[in-house]
């Protein structure tokens, strides 16, 4: 998939209203800004593209990564967009200022996933180097790391109150971490094979995990 399509629902029929193409390969990740007016995308062509949906999908492209982009996420206030990549970096972009880019040398290997805390003050990164890291957004600096995975980490997320982190990847385990002392407070052993995504529900009392084996599991915590 190398293009973005926008549409609407009519009864049970979804109609594509417009389609916008800017990427030169697979699109790996998309995200809306909190206000809904912007859409971010990142992909195989090493580009991060921000689409202005209110202006007929007008696009701004950012070229700073040296390898495939794995994930894009807007800050909660929508003022910046973060991107992670196979090049081991995370980049913070200001969509209104094309030349404004802050680069974090985040990990030694591919950064698979990123997430912001709900107040936007913290950034979480997950990597093939088997670690998670937390970064301060006001100062764009490293704060702390979490070790314990024995294989690639493909997905991570803060809980709604940012007191917990959930992470998972290629080792048939889901880990839940306490951000106060970096301890792993729960290991969930699952029969799912490679886990592709983990997420908290809005209450923070349950998580869902998806896998390449076609299953979705829901867990109370």
Protein backbone atom coordinates (compact mmCIF):
# COMPACT_ATOMS: atom_id res chain seq x y z
CA UNK A 1 0.00 0.00 0.00
CA UNK A 2 1.60 3.28 -1.09
CA UNK A 3 -1.24 5.80 -0.95
CA UNK A 4 -3.68 7.40 1.50
CA UNK A 5 -7.42 7.25 0.81
CA UNK A 6 -10.12 9.32 2.48
CA UNK A 7 -13.78 8.38 2.38
CA UNK A 8 -17.12 8.25 4.18
CA UNK A 9 -19.71 5.70 5.24
CA UNK A 10 -23.14 5.48 3.64
CA UNK A 11 -25.26 2.92 5.50
CA UNK A 12 -23.04 -0.19 5.43
CA UNK A 13 -21.06 0.97 2.42
CA UNK A 14 -17.72 2.72 2.77
CA UNK A 15 -17.04 5.05 -0.15
CA UNK A 16 -13.56 6.35 -1.00
CA UNK A 17 -13.89 10.09 -1.40
CA UNK A 18 -10.32 10.83 -2.45
CA UNK A 19 -6.97 9.11 -2.65
CA UNK A 20 -3.61 10.79 -2.15
CA UNK A 21 -0.31 9.30 -3.22
CA UNK A 22 3.07 10.58 -2.08
CA UNK A 23 4.98 7.51 -0.88
CA UNK A 24 7.17 5.39 -3.11
CA UNK A 25 6.60 2.06 -1.40
CA UNK A 26 4.72 0.37 1.44
CA UNK A 27 3.19 2.62 4.12
CA UNK A 28 3.97 1.11 7.52
CA UNK A 29 2.21 3.51 9.87
CA UNK A 30 -0.47 6.23 9.96
CA UNK A 31 -1.80 8.47 12.72
CA UNK A 32 -4.25 11.36 13.14
CA UNK A 33 -3.48 14.51 15.08
CA UNK A 34 -5.67 15.02 18.16
CA UNK A 35 -7.67 17.73 16.38
CA UNK A 36 -8.19 15.45 13.39
CA UNK A 37 -7.08 17.91 10.72
CA UNK A 38 -3.71 16.29 10.03
CA UNK A 39 -2.76 12.75 9.10
CA UNK A 40 0.78 11.44 9.36
CA UNK A 41 2.27 8.52 7.45
CA UNK A 42 5.64 6.82 7.27
CA UNK A 43 6.95 4.04 5.12
CA UNK A 44 9.42 2.05 3.16
CA UNK A 45 10.66 5.06 1.18
CA UNK A 46 12.18 6.60 4.38
CA UNK A 47 9.71 9.50 4.21
CA UNK A 48 7.42 10.99 6.82
CA UNK A 49 4.46 12.71 5.18
CA UNK A 50 1.95 15.00 6.90
CA UNK A 51 -1.36 15.38 5.06
CA UNK A 52 -3.63 18.39 5.64
CA UNK A 53 -7.08 16.87 5.25
CA UNK A 54 -8.79 20.25 5.33
CA UNK A 55 -6.82 21.43 2.29
CA UNK A 56 -7.52 18.67 -0.21
CA UNK A 57 -4.83 16.36 1.19
CA UNK A 58 -2.03 18.90 0.76
CA UNK A 59 1.12 17.08 1.83
CA UNK A 60 4.44 18.03 3.39
CA UNK A 61 7.24 15.46 3.14
CA UNK A 62 10.15 15.09 5.56
CA UNK A 63 13.37 13.37 4.49
CA UNK A 64 15.86 12.79 7.30
CA UNK A 65 15.77 9.06 8.02
CA UNK A 66 18.39 6.81 6.45
CA UNK A 67 16.22 3.69 6.46
CA UNK A 68 12.59 2.56 6.41
CA UNK A 69 10.17 4.36 8.76
CA UNK A 70 8.42 1.97 11.14
CA UNK A 71 6.05 4.17 13.15
CA UNK A 72 4.65 7.72 13.29
CA UNK A 73 2.82 9.35 16.22
CA UNK A 74 1.60 12.89 16.85
CA UNK A 75 2.16 14.50 20.23
CA UNK A 76 -1.11 14.76 22.19
CA UNK A 77 -1.38 18.48 21.41
CA UNK A 78 -0.74 17.84 17.71
CA UNK A 79 2.15 20.30 17.51
CA UNK A 80 4.80 17.71 16.55
CA UNK A 81 5.00 14.31 14.93
CA UNK A 82 7.54 11.66 15.93
CA UNK A 83 8.89 8.96 13.64
CA UNK A 84 10.94 5.84 14.29
CA UNK A 85 13.06 3.91 11.84
CA UNK A 86 15.27 0.96 11.04
CA UNK A 87 18.15 3.43 11.31
CA UNK A 88 17.84 3.37 15.13
CA UNK A 89 16.74 6.99 15.45
CA UNK A 90 13.58 8.80 16.46
CA UNK A 91 12.93 12.16 14.86
CA UNK A 92 10.60 14.92 16.04
CA UNK A 93 9.14 17.16 13.35
CA UNK A 94 7.17 20.38 13.49
CA UNK A 95 4.71 20.14 10.57
CA UNK A 96 4.43 23.93 10.20
CA UNK A 97 8.23 24.34 9.95
CA UNK A 98 9.65 21.93 7.40
CA UNK A 99 13.26 22.54 8.42
CA UNK A 100 12.60 21.96 12.15
CA UNK A 101 13.76 18.46 13.10
CA UNK A 102 15.13 17.08 16.36
CA UNK A 103 16.93 13.74 16.14
CA UNK A 104 17.33 11.26 19.01
CA UNK A 105 19.94 8.52 18.62
CA UNK A 106 17.57 6.25 20.41
CA UNK A 107 18.79 2.67 20.00
CA UNK A 108 21.57 0.58 18.50
CA UNK A 109 19.12 -1.31 16.26
CA UNK A 110 15.75 -0.74 14.61
CA UNK A 111 13.17 1.23 16.62
CA UNK A 112 9.92 -0.67 16.05
CA UNK A 113 7.39 1.37 18.02
CA UNK A 114 6.93 4.67 19.86
CA UNK A 115 4.29 6.12 22.16
CA UNK A 116 3.67 9.39 23.99
CA UNK A 117 2.42 9.68 27.55
CA UNK A 118 -1.03 11.24 27.73
CA UNK A 119 0.37 14.58 28.88
CA UNK A 120 2.95 14.55 26.08
CA UNK A 121 5.89 14.97 28.45
CA UNK A 122 7.37 11.49 27.88
CA UNK A 123 8.23 9.46 24.79
CA UNK A 124 8.53 5.67 24.91
CA UNK A 125 10.60 3.72 22.37
CA UNK A 126 10.87 -0.03 21.69
CA UNK A 127 13.68 -1.64 19.74
CA UNK A 128 15.25 -4.73 18.24
CA UNK A 129 18.05 -4.21 20.78
CA UNK A 130 15.55 -5.73 23.30
CA UNK A 131 15.19 -2.57 25.39
CA UNK A 132 12.58 0.06 26.06
CA UNK A 133 13.57 3.66 26.71
CA UNK A 134 11.82 6.74 28.06
CA UNK A 135 12.74 10.23 26.86
CA UNK A 136 11.88 13.65 28.24
CA UNK A 137 10.04 15.67 25.61
CA UNK A 138 10.52 19.15 27.09
CA UNK A 139 14.31 18.64 26.98
CA UNK A 140 14.51 15.87 24.33
CA UNK A 141 16.86 13.81 26.47
CA UNK A 142 17.15 10.20 27.62
CA UNK A 143 15.70 9.42 31.06
CA UNK A 144 15.73 5.67 31.69
CA UNK A 145 15.64 2.22 30.11
CA UNK A 146 13.95 -1.13 30.74
CA UNK A 147 15.68 -4.47 30.11
CA UNK A 148 14.29 -7.98 30.31
CA UNK A 149 13.10 -8.97 26.85
CA UNK A 150 15.11 -11.67 25.11
CA UNK A 151 13.97 -10.90 21.58
CA UNK A 152 12.81 -8.00 19.42
CA UNK A 153 10.20 -5.70 20.95
CA UNK A 154 7.56 -4.89 18.36
CA UNK A 155 5.02 -2.91 20.37
CA UNK A 156 4.82 -0.72 23.47
CA UNK A 157 2.36 1.64 25.12
CA UNK A 158 1.91 3.78 28.21
CA UNK A 159 -1.13 3.17 30.39
CA UNK A 160 -3.61 6.08 30.50
CA UNK A 161 -2.05 7.38 33.74
CA UNK A 162 1.53 6.69 32.48
CA UNK A 163 2.33 4.65 35.61
CA UNK A 164 2.59 1.41 33.64
CA UNK A 165 4.06 0.29 30.33
CA UNK A 166 3.09 -2.76 28.31
CA UNK A 167 5.48 -4.30 25.77
CA UNK A 168 5.68 -7.43 23.64
CA UNK A 169 7.41 -8.92 20.64
CA UNK A 170 8.84 -12.19 19.39
CA UNK A 171 9.17 -14.21 22.60
CA UNK A 172 5.56 -15.25 23.46
CA UNK A 173 5.56 -12.97 26.49
CA UNK A 174 3.82 -9.71 27.35
CA UNK A 175 5.56 -7.63 29.99
CA UNK A 176 4.02 -4.97 32.21
CA UNK A 177 6.42 -2.47 33.76
CA UNK A 178 6.17 -0.02 36.65
CA UNK A 179 7.55 3.37 35.58
CA UNK A 180 8.28 4.39 39.18
CA UNK A 181 11.10 1.88 39.69
CA UNK A 182 11.48 0.24 36.22
CA UNK A 183 10.45 -3.14 37.63
CA UNK A 184 8.63 -5.76 35.57
CA UNK A 185 5.54 -6.37 37.66
CA UNK A 186 3.94 -9.02 35.47
CA UNK A 187 4.97 -11.52 32.79
CA UNK A 188 2.07 -12.85 30.76
CA UNK A 189 2.99 -16.08 28.98
CA UNK A 190 0.94 -16.55 25.83
CA UNK A 191 0.57 -19.17 23.13
CA UNK A 192 0.46 -16.44 20.53
CA UNK A 193 3.44 -16.51 18.19
CA UNK A 194 5.05 -13.24 17.11
CA UNK A 195 3.06 -10.50 18.87
CA UNK A 196 2.53 -7.51 16.59
CA UNK A 197 0.69 -5.08 18.87
CA UNK A 198 -0.28 -4.53 22.51
CA UNK A 199 -2.55 -1.80 23.83
CA UNK A 200 -4.25 -0.70 27.04
CA UNK A 201 -7.98 -0.08 27.21
CA UNK A 202 -9.09 3.41 28.29
CA UNK A 203 -9.43 2.34 31.94
CA UNK A 204 -5.92 0.88 32.10
CA UNK A 205 -7.35 -2.32 33.61
CA UNK A 206 -7.05 -4.53 30.53
CA UNK A 207 -4.73 -5.02 27.58
CA UNK A 208 -5.22 -6.53 24.14
CA UNK A 209 -2.56 -8.31 22.10
CA UNK A 210 -2.57 -9.26 18.44
CA UNK A 211 -0.38 -11.78 16.66
CA UNK A 212 0.72 -12.97 13.23
CA UNK A 213 -1.19 -16.20 13.98
CA UNK A 214 -4.45 -14.27 13.43
CA UNK A 215 -5.53 -14.10 17.08
CA UNK A 216 -6.40 -11.26 19.44
CA UNK A 217 -6.23 -11.89 23.18
CA UNK A 218 -7.63 -9.67 25.94
CA UNK A 219 -6.10 -9.78 29.41
CA UNK A 220 -7.24 -8.36 32.76
CA UNK A 221 -4.40 -6.82 34.74
